[in-house]
C-alpha cells in the first residue's frame, strides 16, 4: 500500500523539473507588462477579475473575482477546473472564498496596496479509479497593483493547510497523514473596472 507521502514526493520531483526557468519567464513577463502600463492608479475600482497564467500553463482554468466592501477591505470568490495535474489527466472542480484586508488603505484606494487575506477552499474530483476531495484553509500576504488602464497584477504568498479525503484503492489514509501544509502562491493578472 502507498501512503499519501508518496503524492508529496511526486509533487516535489515534478516541481524540480525546470520550475525555476518557468517561474523566471513568468516573472519577467509580468514585470514587463506592469512596466508598460505606467504608474499605479489613483482611482478606486469596484470590480476586479483575475486569472493565474501559471495555473493555465499547468492545466488549471481559474478565475478570481474581487469586490471591495468598504474603504479597507474586499471579498474574493474563486473558481477553478483542473484537467491535468502533474502530468496526470484529472477532472477536478474547486471553489474558494477569501476576505482581504488592505493595510495601505489610508494611502491607496482599495483594491490596491499591501494586504493580508484569510482564505478557504474546497475541491472535488476524480482520476482513473480515484475519487477525492480537498478542504483547505490558509492565509496570504501580498501586494496588488491596479493601473489607470485597468490592468491588475497581484502577488502573494502564505501557508495553506489541506485536508485530503477520498476513495483510493492503493492509498491508505489515517488521521496522521491526511493533512498537509503547502505554500499558497498568488501570481495573477487581470482587469479592474
Foldseek 3Di string as FASTA:
>chain_A
DAACVVVVVLVVVLCVPCVVVVVVVLVVVVVVVVVVQDDFDQDAFAKWKKDAPVCVVAAKGKIKIWGAPDLFKIKMKMKIFGQHDSRAGWTKIKIKIKIKGAPCSVPGGPPFHKIKIKMWMKMWIDGDPKTKIKTKIWMKIWGWTAHPVFKIWIWIKTKMKIFMDTDDDPYDDDPPRRIDIDMDIDTMMTGTD
